[in-house]
Amino acid sequence: MYRFDLSLAFKNFNREDAEKSAEKMLSDFQRMHFERYYANPFPLRKSAVMILLFVRDDRLKSIMIERTDIGKHAGQISFPGGKTEPSDADSIATAIRETLEEIGIQVRREDVIGDLPPVKVPVSSFEIFPVVAFVDGIGDFKTSESEVKKVLEVDVEDLRTSLSNRPVTVAEKQYEVPSFICGNSVVWGATAMIVAEMFSVLS
């Protein structure tokens, strides 16, 4: 039942509505970078993330990760994923490969039930393509020590109801941003935009 209903939802949703949901999650910090980008557009590198859905105890769940304390996205909460490599046939291939590399979970192409509109991230020069998959169960995680600090099992409904404006500090300045809560961490920015797109479909 879950697979059929979710597959139907992620194939027949209104993409414009999903994009509008993502735009509502933009912070002032992001809007500043978007204004600069649209005034003088530049090429964005392709990347993809995997929204991995499954059911446990009759609750819809997903997997997010906390990045390690190294690199541009240090400590951030995100879905498994990363930049597209020349060997990747498409965004699905990127998301599948990155999910295996980062958390050790093998997702099959037949597990993929849809995708969401890409999210631009001018501040890091990426365009993220969210891929959605549904699996019958999750095995043991084998994380990439260089990329993943922690794997987080997320209750989708709890994530949805956590939406609120919260303070975050960026480059020593504080902003009030629309965000979600995952564990003890604030999810904002590009990942929050992707989450908002997901909820525009699930609603």
N, C-alpha and C. Protein backbone atom coordinates (compact mmCIF):
# COMPACT_ATOMS: atom_id res chain seq x y z
N MET A 1 0.83 -1.20 0.00
CA MET A 1 0.00 0.00 0.00
C MET A 1 0.87 1.26 0.00
N TYR A 2 1.85 1.29 0.90
CA TYR A 2 2.72 2.47 0.96
C TYR A 2 3.41 2.71 -0.38
N ARG A 3 4.00 1.64 -0.94
CA ARG A 3 4.74 1.80 -2.20
C ARG A 3 3.83 2.31 -3.31
N PHE A 4 2.65 1.73 -3.43
CA PHE A 4 1.73 2.13 -4.51
C PHE A 4 1.32 3.60 -4.34
N ASP A 5 0.89 3.97 -3.13
CA ASP A 5 0.43 5.34 -2.89
C ASP A 5 1.55 6.35 -3.07
N LEU A 6 2.74 6.03 -2.56
CA LEU A 6 3.86 6.95 -2.69
C LEU A 6 4.31 7.07 -4.14
N SER A 7 4.34 5.95 -4.84
CA SER A 7 4.73 5.98 -6.26
C SER A 7 3.78 6.86 -7.05
N LEU A 8 2.50 6.72 -6.78
CA LEU A 8 1.49 7.53 -7.46
C LEU A 8 1.69 9.02 -7.14
N ALA A 9 1.92 9.31 -5.87
CA ALA A 9 2.08 10.70 -5.45
C ALA A 9 3.30 11.34 -6.09
N PHE A 10 4.43 10.65 -6.12
CA PHE A 10 5.66 11.24 -6.63
C PHE A 10 5.75 11.24 -8.15
N LYS A 11 4.78 10.60 -8.81
CA LYS A 11 4.74 10.67 -10.27
C LYS A 11 3.72 11.69 -10.78
N ASN A 12 2.75 12.03 -9.96
CA ASN A 12 1.65 12.87 -10.43
C ASN A 12 1.52 14.21 -9.72
N PHE A 13 2.52 14.62 -8.97
CA PHE A 13 2.40 15.86 -8.23
C PHE A 13 2.61 17.08 -9.13
N ASN A 14 2.18 18.24 -8.64
CA ASN A 14 2.33 19.50 -9.36
C ASN A 14 3.72 20.07 -9.07
N ARG A 15 4.59 20.07 -10.07
CA ARG A 15 5.98 20.48 -9.87
C ARG A 15 6.08 21.97 -9.53
N GLU A 16 5.17 22.76 -10.07
CA GLU A 16 5.19 24.19 -9.77
C GLU A 16 4.88 24.44 -8.30
N ASP A 17 3.92 23.68 -7.75
CA ASP A 17 3.59 23.80 -6.33
C ASP A 17 4.78 23.41 -5.46
N ALA A 18 5.49 22.37 -5.89
CA ALA A 18 6.67 21.92 -5.13
C ALA A 18 7.74 23.01 -5.13
N GLU A 19 7.95 23.64 -6.27
CA GLU A 19 8.95 24.71 -6.36
C GLU A 19 8.56 25.90 -5.47
N LYS A 20 7.28 26.22 -5.42
CA LYS A 20 6.82 27.31 -4.56
C LYS A 20 7.03 26.97 -3.09
N SER A 21 6.83 25.72 -2.73
CA SER A 21 7.08 25.28 -1.35
C SER A 21 8.54 25.46 -0.99
N ALA A 22 9.43 25.13 -1.93
CA ALA A 22 10.86 25.30 -1.69
C ALA A 22 11.22 26.76 -1.52
N GLU A 23 10.64 27.63 -2.32
CA GLU A 23 10.95 29.07 -2.26
C GLU A 23 10.57 29.67 -0.91
N LYS A 24 9.53 29.12 -0.28
CA LYS A 24 9.10 29.63 1.03
C LYS A 24 10.15 29.36 2.11
N MET A 25 11.07 28.44 1.84
CA MET A 25 12.09 28.09 2.82
C MET A 25 13.36 28.92 2.67
N LEU A 26 13.40 29.83 1.71
CA LEU A 26 14.59 30.65 1.50
C LEU A 26 14.81 31.59 2.68
N SER A 27 16.02 31.63 3.17
CA SER A 27 16.39 32.58 4.21
C SER A 27 16.88 33.87 3.55
N ASP A 28 17.02 34.93 4.35
CA ASP A 28 17.56 36.18 3.82
C ASP A 28 18.97 35.97 3.28
N PHE A 29 19.74 35.10 3.96
CA PHE A 29 21.08 34.78 3.51
C PHE A 29 21.06 34.17 2.11
N GLN A 30 20.14 33.23 1.89
CA GLN A 30 20.04 32.61 0.57
C GLN A 30 19.54 33.58 -0.49
N ARG A 31 18.56 34.40 -0.13
CA ARG A 31 18.02 35.36 -1.10
C ARG A 31 19.10 36.30 -1.62
N MET A 32 20.01 36.68 -0.76
CA MET A 32 21.10 37.54 -1.16
C MET A 32 21.94 36.88 -2.25
N HIS A 33 22.24 35.60 -2.06
CA HIS A 33 23.04 34.88 -3.05
C HIS A 33 22.24 34.62 -4.33
N PHE A 34 20.94 34.38 -4.19
CA PHE A 34 20.12 34.18 -5.38
C PHE A 34 20.04 35.46 -6.21
N GLU A 35 19.91 36.60 -5.57
CA GLU A 35 19.86 37.87 -6.29
C GLU A 35 21.13 38.09 -7.09
N ARG A 36 22.27 37.79 -6.49
CA ARG A 36 23.55 37.93 -7.20
C ARG A 36 23.63 36.94 -8.36
N TYR A 37 23.14 35.72 -8.11
CA TYR A 37 23.20 34.69 -9.15
C TYR A 37 22.34 35.07 -10.36
N TYR A 38 21.10 35.48 -10.12
CA TYR A 38 20.21 35.80 -11.23
C TYR A 38 20.62 37.09 -11.95
N ALA A 39 21.31 37.98 -11.24
CA ALA A 39 21.82 39.19 -11.88
C ALA A 39 22.99 38.88 -12.81
N ASN A 40 23.73 37.83 -12.47
CA ASN A 40 24.89 37.43 -13.28
C ASN A 40 25.04 35.92 -13.19
N PRO A 41 24.18 35.16 -13.91
CA PRO A 41 24.18 33.69 -13.80
C PRO A 41 25.53 33.07 -14.19
N PHE A 42 25.84 31.98 -13.55
CA PHE A 42 27.06 31.23 -13.84
C PHE A 42 26.73 29.74 -13.81
N PRO A 43 27.54 28.91 -14.44
CA PRO A 43 27.25 27.47 -14.48
C PRO A 43 27.25 26.86 -13.09
N LEU A 44 26.28 25.99 -12.84
CA LEU A 44 26.20 25.27 -11.57
C LEU A 44 26.56 23.81 -11.80
N ARG A 45 27.33 23.26 -10.90
CA ARG A 45 27.70 21.85 -10.98
C ARG A 45 26.51 20.99 -10.56
N LYS A 46 26.36 19.84 -11.21
CA LYS A 46 25.24 18.95 -10.91
C LYS A 46 25.56 18.05 -9.71
N SER A 47 24.54 17.83 -8.90
CA SER A 47 24.66 16.88 -7.80
C SER A 47 23.29 16.25 -7.58
N ALA A 48 23.24 15.23 -6.75
CA ALA A 48 21.96 14.55 -6.47
C ALA A 48 21.97 14.03 -5.05
N VAL A 49 20.77 13.99 -4.46
CA VAL A 49 20.61 13.40 -3.13
C VAL A 49 19.52 12.34 -3.18
N MET A 50 19.57 11.44 -2.22
CA MET A 50 18.59 10.36 -2.13
C MET A 50 17.66 10.56 -0.95
N ILE A 51 16.37 10.73 -1.23
CA ILE A 51 15.36 10.71 -0.18
C ILE A 51 14.89 9.26 -0.08
N LEU A 52 15.39 8.58 0.93
CA LEU A 52 15.14 7.15 1.08
C LEU A 52 14.00 6.96 2.07
N LEU A 53 12.86 6.46 1.58
CA LEU A 53 11.67 6.28 2.41
C LEU A 53 11.46 4.80 2.73
N PHE A 54 11.01 4.53 3.94
CA PHE A 54 10.68 3.16 4.33
C PHE A 54 9.71 3.23 5.51
N VAL A 55 9.14 2.10 5.88
CA VAL A 55 8.17 2.05 6.97
C VAL A 55 8.71 1.20 8.11
N ARG A 56 8.62 1.76 9.31
CA ARG A 56 8.97 1.02 10.52
C ARG A 56 7.90 1.30 11.57
N ASP A 57 7.35 0.24 12.14
CA ASP A 57 6.30 0.38 13.16
C ASP A 57 5.14 1.22 12.66
N ASP A 58 4.77 1.00 11.40
CA ASP A 58 3.64 1.70 10.77
C ASP A 58 3.85 3.20 10.65
N ARG A 59 5.08 3.64 10.69
CA ARG A 59 5.41 5.06 10.53
C ARG A 59 6.34 5.23 9.34
N LEU A 60 6.07 6.26 8.53
CA LEU A 60 6.94 6.54 7.39
C LEU A 60 8.22 7.19 7.90
N LYS A 61 9.35 6.63 7.48
CA LYS A 61 10.66 7.10 7.94
C LYS A 61 11.53 7.49 6.75
N SER A 62 12.58 8.22 7.06
CA SER A 62 13.60 8.53 6.06
C SER A 62 14.96 8.56 6.75
N ILE A 63 16.00 8.71 5.92
CA ILE A 63 17.37 8.74 6.44
C ILE A 63 18.01 10.08 6.09
N MET A 64 18.58 10.72 7.10
CA MET A 64 19.40 11.90 6.88
C MET A 64 20.75 11.66 7.53
N ILE A 65 21.72 12.48 7.18
CA ILE A 65 23.06 12.30 7.74
C ILE A 65 23.56 13.62 8.30
N GLU A 66 24.41 13.52 9.31
CA GLU A 66 25.15 14.68 9.79
C GLU A 66 26.55 14.60 9.20
N ARG A 67 26.93 15.64 8.48
CA ARG A 67 28.25 15.68 7.85
C ARG A 67 29.35 15.79 8.91
N THR A 68 30.55 15.33 8.55
CA THR A 68 31.69 15.47 9.45
C THR A 68 32.05 16.95 9.59
N ASP A 69 32.98 17.23 10.47
CA ASP A 69 33.35 18.62 10.77
C ASP A 69 34.41 19.16 9.81
N ILE A 70 34.53 18.53 8.65
CA ILE A 70 35.52 18.93 7.66
C ILE A 70 34.81 19.32 6.37
N GLY A 71 35.29 20.39 5.72
CA GLY A 71 34.76 20.76 4.41
C GLY A 71 33.74 21.88 4.47
N LYS A 72 33.28 22.28 3.27
CA LYS A 72 32.37 23.42 3.13
C LYS A 72 31.04 23.19 3.84
N HIS A 73 30.58 21.92 3.88
CA HIS A 73 29.29 21.61 4.48
C HIS A 73 29.45 20.94 5.85
N ALA A 74 30.52 21.28 6.54
CA ALA A 74 30.84 20.67 7.83
C ALA A 74 29.68 20.79 8.81
N GLY A 75 29.34 19.64 9.41
CA GLY A 75 28.33 19.61 10.47
C GLY A 75 26.90 19.76 10.02
N GLN A 76 26.66 19.93 8.73
CA GLN A 76 25.30 20.15 8.25
C GLN A 76 24.52 18.84 8.20
N ILE A 77 23.19 18.98 8.29
CA ILE A 77 22.29 17.84 8.13
C ILE A 77 21.81 17.83 6.68
N SER A 78 21.86 16.66 6.06
CA SER A 78 21.46 16.57 4.66
C SER A 78 20.97 15.16 4.36
N PHE A 79 20.47 14.97 3.16
CA PHE A 79 20.21 13.62 2.67
C PHE A 79 21.52 13.08 2.09
N PRO A 80 21.67 11.75 2.05
CA PRO A 80 22.87 11.21 1.40
C PRO A 80 22.94 11.69 -0.05
N GLY A 81 24.13 12.04 -0.48
CA GLY A 81 24.26 12.51 -1.86
C GLY A 81 25.56 13.25 -2.08
N GLY A 82 25.75 13.70 -3.32
CA GLY A 82 26.98 14.41 -3.65
C GLY A 82 27.01 14.77 -5.12
N LYS A 83 28.18 15.21 -5.56
CA LYS A 83 28.30 15.73 -6.92
C LYS A 83 28.26 14.61 -7.95
N THR A 84 27.78 14.97 -9.12
CA THR A 84 27.69 14.03 -10.24
C THR A 84 29.08 13.80 -10.84
N GLU A 85 29.40 12.55 -11.09
CA GLU A 85 30.66 12.18 -11.72
C GLU A 85 30.42 11.91 -13.20
N PRO A 86 31.45 12.07 -14.04
CA PRO A 86 31.30 11.81 -15.49
C PRO A 86 30.77 10.41 -15.81
N SER A 87 31.05 9.45 -14.93
CA SER A 87 30.61 8.07 -15.16
C SER A 87 29.15 7.84 -14.83
N ASP A 88 28.49 8.81 -14.16
CA ASP A 88 27.09 8.66 -13.78
C ASP A 88 26.19 8.89 -14.99
N ALA A 89 25.29 7.95 -15.24
CA ALA A 89 24.40 8.05 -16.40
C ALA A 89 23.39 9.18 -16.22
N ASP A 90 22.96 9.41 -14.98
CA ASP A 90 21.95 10.44 -14.71
C ASP A 90 21.93 10.72 -13.21
N SER A 91 20.99 11.55 -12.77
CA SER A 91 20.92 11.90 -11.35
C SER A 91 20.56 10.71 -10.48
N ILE A 92 19.80 9.77 -11.03
CA ILE A 92 19.48 8.55 -10.26
C ILE A 92 20.76 7.79 -9.97
N ALA A 93 21.61 7.65 -10.98
CA ALA A 93 22.88 6.94 -10.80
C ALA A 93 23.75 7.64 -9.75
N THR A 94 23.76 8.97 -9.79
CA THR A 94 24.53 9.73 -8.80
C THR A 94 24.02 9.46 -7.39
N ALA A 95 22.70 9.56 -7.21
CA ALA A 95 22.10 9.37 -5.88
C ALA A 95 22.34 7.96 -5.36
N ILE A 96 22.20 6.98 -6.23
CA ILE A 96 22.42 5.58 -5.83
C ILE A 96 23.87 5.37 -5.42
N ARG A 97 24.80 5.86 -6.24
CA ARG A 97 26.23 5.68 -5.95
C ARG A 97 26.62 6.37 -4.64
N GLU A 98 26.17 7.61 -4.46
CA GLU A 98 26.52 8.36 -3.26
C GLU A 98 25.92 7.74 -2.00
N THR A 99 24.72 7.20 -2.11
CA THR A 99 24.09 6.55 -0.95
C THR A 99 24.89 5.33 -0.52
N LEU A 100 25.37 4.56 -1.49
CA LEU A 100 26.19 3.40 -1.17
C LEU A 100 27.53 3.83 -0.57
N GLU A 101 28.13 4.85 -1.16
CA GLU A 101 29.44 5.31 -0.67
C GLU A 101 29.36 5.92 0.72
N GLU A 102 28.29 6.66 1.00
CA GLU A 102 28.22 7.41 2.25
C GLU A 102 27.66 6.60 3.41
N ILE A 103 26.63 5.79 3.17
CA ILE A 103 26.02 5.06 4.29
C ILE A 103 25.96 3.54 4.07
N GLY A 104 26.48 3.06 2.95
CA GLY A 104 26.57 1.62 2.73
C GLY A 104 25.26 0.93 2.41
N ILE A 105 24.26 1.70 1.98
CA ILE A 105 22.96 1.11 1.62
C ILE A 105 22.83 1.07 0.10
N GLN A 106 22.57 -0.13 -0.43
CA GLN A 106 22.41 -0.31 -1.87
C GLN A 106 20.95 -0.10 -2.25
N VAL A 107 20.70 0.95 -3.01
CA VAL A 107 19.36 1.22 -3.54
C VAL A 107 19.34 0.80 -5.00
N ARG A 108 18.30 0.08 -5.40
CA ARG A 108 18.18 -0.36 -6.79
C ARG A 108 17.37 0.66 -7.60
N ARG A 109 17.58 0.66 -8.89
CA ARG A 109 16.81 1.58 -9.75
C ARG A 109 15.32 1.31 -9.63
N GLU A 110 14.95 0.05 -9.45
CA GLU A 110 13.52 -0.27 -9.34
C GLU A 110 12.92 0.22 -8.02
N ASP A 111 13.79 0.60 -7.06
CA ASP A 111 13.31 1.19 -5.81
C ASP A 111 12.93 2.65 -5.97
N VAL A 112 13.41 3.29 -7.02
CA VAL A 112 13.17 4.72 -7.23
C VAL A 112 11.72 4.93 -7.67
N ILE A 113 11.02 5.82 -6.96
CA ILE A 113 9.59 6.06 -7.25
C ILE A 113 9.34 7.46 -7.81
N GLY A 114 10.38 8.25 -7.95
CA GLY A 114 10.18 9.58 -8.52
C GLY A 114 11.33 10.52 -8.21
N ASP A 115 11.12 11.77 -8.53
CA ASP A 115 12.12 12.80 -8.23
C ASP A 115 11.39 14.10 -7.91
N LEU A 116 12.15 15.09 -7.49
CA LEU A 116 11.60 16.41 -7.16
C LEU A 116 12.33 17.46 -7.99
N PRO A 117 11.75 18.66 -8.12
CA PRO A 117 12.42 19.71 -8.88
C PRO A 117 13.81 20.01 -8.30
N PRO A 118 14.79 20.25 -9.15
CA PRO A 118 16.14 20.56 -8.65
C PRO A 118 16.16 21.85 -7.85
N VAL A 119 17.06 21.90 -6.90
CA VAL A 119 17.23 23.06 -6.03
C VAL A 119 18.59 23.69 -6.32
N LYS A 120 18.60 24.95 -6.64
CA LYS A 120 19.86 25.66 -6.92
C LYS A 120 20.48 26.15 -5.61
N VAL A 121 21.82 26.05 -5.53
CA VAL A 121 22.55 26.52 -4.36
C VAL A 121 23.70 27.39 -4.86
N PRO A 122 23.42 28.65 -5.21
CA PRO A 122 24.47 29.51 -5.77
C PRO A 122 25.68 29.68 -4.86
N VAL A 123 25.47 29.68 -3.52
CA VAL A 123 26.58 29.91 -2.61
C VAL A 123 27.67 28.85 -2.74
N SER A 124 27.29 27.63 -3.13
CA SER A 124 28.29 26.57 -3.32
C SER A 124 28.38 26.12 -4.77
N SER A 125 27.68 26.83 -5.66
CA SER A 125 27.75 26.59 -7.12
C SER A 125 27.24 25.21 -7.52
N PHE A 126 26.20 24.74 -6.83
CA PHE A 126 25.63 23.43 -7.15
C PHE A 126 24.14 23.54 -7.48
N GLU A 127 23.67 22.60 -8.27
CA GLU A 127 22.25 22.37 -8.48
C GLU A 127 21.97 20.94 -8.04
N ILE A 128 21.06 20.79 -7.08
CA ILE A 128 20.82 19.49 -6.47
C ILE A 128 19.55 18.86 -7.03
N PHE A 129 19.66 17.62 -7.49
CA PHE A 129 18.52 16.88 -8.02
C PHE A 129 18.09 15.83 -6.98
N PRO A 130 16.94 16.03 -6.33
CA PRO A 130 16.48 15.06 -5.33
C PRO A 130 15.81 13.85 -5.99
N VAL A 131 16.28 12.68 -5.64
CA VAL A 131 15.73 11.41 -6.11
C VAL A 131 15.02 10.75 -4.94
N VAL A 132 13.85 10.17 -5.20
CA VAL A 132 13.05 9.56 -4.13
C VAL A 132 12.96 8.06 -4.36
N ALA A 133 13.27 7.28 -3.33
CA ALA A 133 13.18 5.82 -3.42
C ALA A 133 12.42 5.28 -2.21
N PHE A 134 11.74 4.17 -2.42
CA PHE A 134 11.07 3.48 -1.31
C PHE A 134 11.62 2.06 -1.23
N VAL A 135 12.03 1.66 -0.02
CA VAL A 135 12.57 0.32 0.17
C VAL A 135 11.77 -0.38 1.26
N ASP A 136 11.76 -1.71 1.21
CA ASP A 136 10.98 -2.49 2.16
C ASP A 136 11.61 -2.50 3.55
N GLY A 137 12.91 -2.26 3.62
CA GLY A 137 13.59 -2.24 4.91
C GLY A 137 14.99 -1.70 4.76
N ILE A 138 15.60 -1.31 5.87
CA ILE A 138 16.94 -0.76 5.89
C ILE A 138 17.87 -1.73 6.61
N GLY A 139 18.99 -2.05 5.97
CA GLY A 139 19.97 -2.93 6.61
C GLY A 139 20.92 -2.15 7.48
N ASP A 140 22.07 -2.74 7.74
CA ASP A 140 23.08 -2.08 8.58
C ASP A 140 23.79 -1.00 7.78
N PHE A 141 24.11 0.08 8.47
CA PHE A 141 24.81 1.17 7.82
C PHE A 141 26.32 0.94 7.88
N LYS A 142 26.98 1.32 6.81
CA LYS A 142 28.44 1.32 6.77
C LYS A 142 28.84 2.70 6.27
N THR A 143 29.17 3.59 7.20
CA THR A 143 29.35 4.99 6.84
C THR A 143 30.76 5.30 6.36
N SER A 144 30.84 6.33 5.54
CA SER A 144 32.13 6.87 5.11
C SER A 144 32.65 7.76 6.22
N GLU A 145 33.75 7.36 6.84
CA GLU A 145 34.26 8.10 7.99
C GLU A 145 34.69 9.52 7.62
N SER A 146 35.06 9.74 6.38
CA SER A 146 35.52 11.06 5.96
C SER A 146 34.37 12.01 5.66
N GLU A 147 33.15 11.46 5.45
CA GLU A 147 32.03 12.30 5.03
C GLU A 147 30.87 12.33 6.02
N VAL A 148 30.67 11.24 6.74
CA VAL A 148 29.47 11.11 7.57
C VAL A 148 29.84 10.94 9.04
N LYS A 149 29.34 11.87 9.86
CA LYS A 149 29.56 11.80 11.31
C LYS A 149 28.52 10.91 11.96
N LYS A 150 27.28 11.00 11.48
CA LYS A 150 26.18 10.25 12.10
C LYS A 150 25.06 10.02 11.09
N VAL A 151 24.42 8.84 11.17
CA VAL A 151 23.23 8.55 10.38
C VAL A 151 22.01 8.75 11.26
N LEU A 152 21.02 9.45 10.75
CA LEU A 152 19.83 9.78 11.53
C LEU A 152 18.58 9.17 10.88
N GLU A 153 17.88 8.34 11.63
CA GLU A 153 16.59 7.82 11.17
C GLU A 153 15.51 8.84 11.55
N VAL A 154 14.79 9.33 10.58
CA VAL A 154 13.86 10.44 10.78
C VAL A 154 12.42 9.97 10.63
N ASP A 155 11.59 10.32 11.59
CA ASP A 155 10.15 10.10 11.45
C ASP A 155 9.61 11.25 10.60
N VAL A 156 9.05 10.93 9.45
CA VAL A 156 8.66 11.96 8.48
C VAL A 156 7.61 12.90 9.05
N GLU A 157 6.64 12.38 9.77
CA GLU A 157 5.60 13.25 10.34
C GLU A 157 6.17 14.16 11.42
N ASP A 158 7.08 13.64 12.24
CA ASP A 158 7.72 14.48 13.25
C ASP A 158 8.51 15.60 12.59
N LEU A 159 9.17 15.28 11.49
CA LEU A 159 9.93 16.29 10.75
C LEU A 159 8.99 17.37 10.23
N ARG A 160 7.85 16.96 9.68
CA ARG A 160 6.89 17.91 9.11
C ARG A 160 6.38 18.89 10.18
N THR A 161 6.05 18.38 11.35
CA THR A 161 5.46 19.23 12.38
C THR A 161 6.49 20.10 13.10
N SER A 162 7.77 19.91 12.80
CA SER A 162 8.82 20.70 13.46
C SER A 162 9.09 22.01 12.73
N LEU A 163 8.40 22.27 11.63
CA LEU A 163 8.64 23.49 10.85
C LEU A 163 8.43 24.75 11.69
N SER A 164 9.44 25.63 11.69
CA SER A 164 9.35 26.89 12.42
C SER A 164 10.51 27.78 11.99
N ASN A 165 10.46 29.06 12.37
CA ASN A 165 11.59 29.95 12.16
C ASN A 165 12.53 29.84 13.35
N ARG A 166 13.83 29.72 13.06
CA ARG A 166 14.83 29.56 14.11
C ARG A 166 16.09 30.36 13.77
N PRO A 167 16.87 30.75 14.77
CA PRO A 167 18.10 31.50 14.50
C PRO A 167 19.25 30.57 14.10
N VAL A 168 20.01 30.95 13.09
CA VAL A 168 21.25 30.27 12.72
C VAL A 168 22.31 31.33 12.51
N THR A 169 23.55 30.95 12.71
CA THR A 169 24.67 31.88 12.53
C THR A 169 25.46 31.50 11.29
N VAL A 170 25.61 32.46 10.38
CA VAL A 170 26.36 32.25 9.14
C VAL A 170 27.35 33.40 8.99
N ALA A 171 28.63 33.05 8.85
CA ALA A 171 29.67 34.07 8.70
C ALA A 171 29.55 35.14 9.79
N GLU A 172 29.35 34.66 11.03
CA GLU A 172 29.30 35.51 12.22
C GLU A 172 28.09 36.45 12.24
N LYS A 173 27.12 36.23 11.38
CA LYS A 173 25.88 36.98 11.41
C LYS A 173 24.73 36.03 11.70
N GLN A 174 23.74 36.51 12.45
CA GLN A 174 22.61 35.65 12.81
C GLN A 174 21.41 35.97 11.92
N TYR A 175 20.76 34.90 11.46
CA TYR A 175 19.57 35.03 10.62
C TYR A 175 18.45 34.20 11.22
N GLU A 176 17.22 34.67 11.08
CA GLU A 176 16.05 33.87 11.40
C GLU A 176 15.66 33.13 10.13
N VAL A 177 15.66 31.81 10.18
CA VAL A 177 15.43 31.04 8.96
C VAL A 177 14.30 30.04 9.15
N PRO A 178 13.49 29.80 8.11
CA PRO A 178 12.52 28.70 8.17
C PRO A 178 13.28 27.38 8.19
N SER A 179 12.89 26.50 9.08
CA SER A 179 13.71 25.30 9.28
C SER A 179 12.88 24.16 9.87
N PHE A 180 13.50 22.98 9.84
CA PHE A 180 12.94 21.78 10.46
C PHE A 180 13.93 21.32 11.53
N ILE A 181 13.51 20.39 12.36
CA ILE A 181 14.39 19.81 13.37
C ILE A 181 14.59 18.32 13.08
N CYS A 182 15.85 17.92 13.06
CA CYS A 182 16.21 16.51 12.89
C CYS A 182 17.14 16.14 14.04
N GLY A 183 16.66 15.30 14.95
CA GLY A 183 17.45 15.01 16.14
C GLY A 183 17.59 16.27 16.97
N ASN A 184 18.83 16.69 17.20
CA ASN A 184 19.09 17.93 17.94
C ASN A 184 19.57 19.04 17.02
N SER A 185 19.41 18.84 15.72
CA SER A 185 19.98 19.78 14.75
C SER A 185 18.91 20.51 13.95
N VAL A 186 19.24 21.73 13.55
CA VAL A 186 18.37 22.53 12.71
C VAL A 186 18.65 22.22 11.24
N VAL A 187 17.60 21.94 10.49
CA VAL A 187 17.72 21.66 9.05
C VAL A 187 17.21 22.88 8.30
N TRP A 188 18.08 23.57 7.60
CA TRP A 188 17.67 24.77 6.89
C TRP A 188 18.38 24.81 5.53
N GLY A 189 18.19 25.90 4.81
CA GLY A 189 18.89 26.05 3.54
C GLY A 189 18.38 25.09 2.48
N ALA A 190 19.30 24.59 1.65
CA ALA A 190 18.93 23.75 0.52
C ALA A 190 18.21 22.48 0.96
N THR A 191 18.68 21.86 2.06
CA THR A 191 18.03 20.63 2.52
C THR A 191 16.60 20.90 2.97
N ALA A 192 16.38 22.03 3.65
CA ALA A 192 15.02 22.38 4.06
C ALA A 192 14.13 22.63 2.84
N MET A 193 14.70 23.19 1.79
CA MET A 193 13.93 23.40 0.55
C MET A 193 13.51 22.06 -0.05
N ILE A 194 14.41 21.10 -0.03
CA ILE A 194 14.10 19.76 -0.54
C ILE A 194 13.04 19.09 0.33
N VAL A 195 13.17 19.23 1.64
CA VAL A 195 12.18 18.66 2.56
C VAL A 195 10.81 19.28 2.28
N ALA A 196 10.77 20.60 2.07
CA ALA A 196 9.50 21.27 1.78
C ALA A 196 8.87 20.76 0.50
N GLU A 197 9.70 20.50 -0.50
CA GLU A 197 9.19 19.91 -1.74
C GLU A 197 8.58 18.53 -1.48
N MET A 198 9.28 17.75 -0.67
CA MET A 198 8.78 16.41 -0.34
C MET A 198 7.40 16.50 0.34
N PHE A 199 7.25 17.44 1.26
CA PHE A 199 5.97 17.56 1.96
C PHE A 199 4.88 18.11 1.07
N SER A 200 5.23 18.88 0.05
CA SER A 200 4.21 19.35 -0.89
C SER A 200 3.61 18.18 -1.65
N VAL A 201 4.37 17.11 -1.79
CA VAL A 201 3.88 15.89 -2.46
C VAL A 201 3.12 15.01 -1.46
N LEU A 202 3.69 14.82 -0.29
CA LEU A 202 3.09 13.92 0.70
C LEU A 202 1.78 14.47 1.27
N SER A 203 1.60 15.79 1.20
CA SER A 203 0.35 16.34 1.74
C SER A 203 -0.83 16.04 0.85
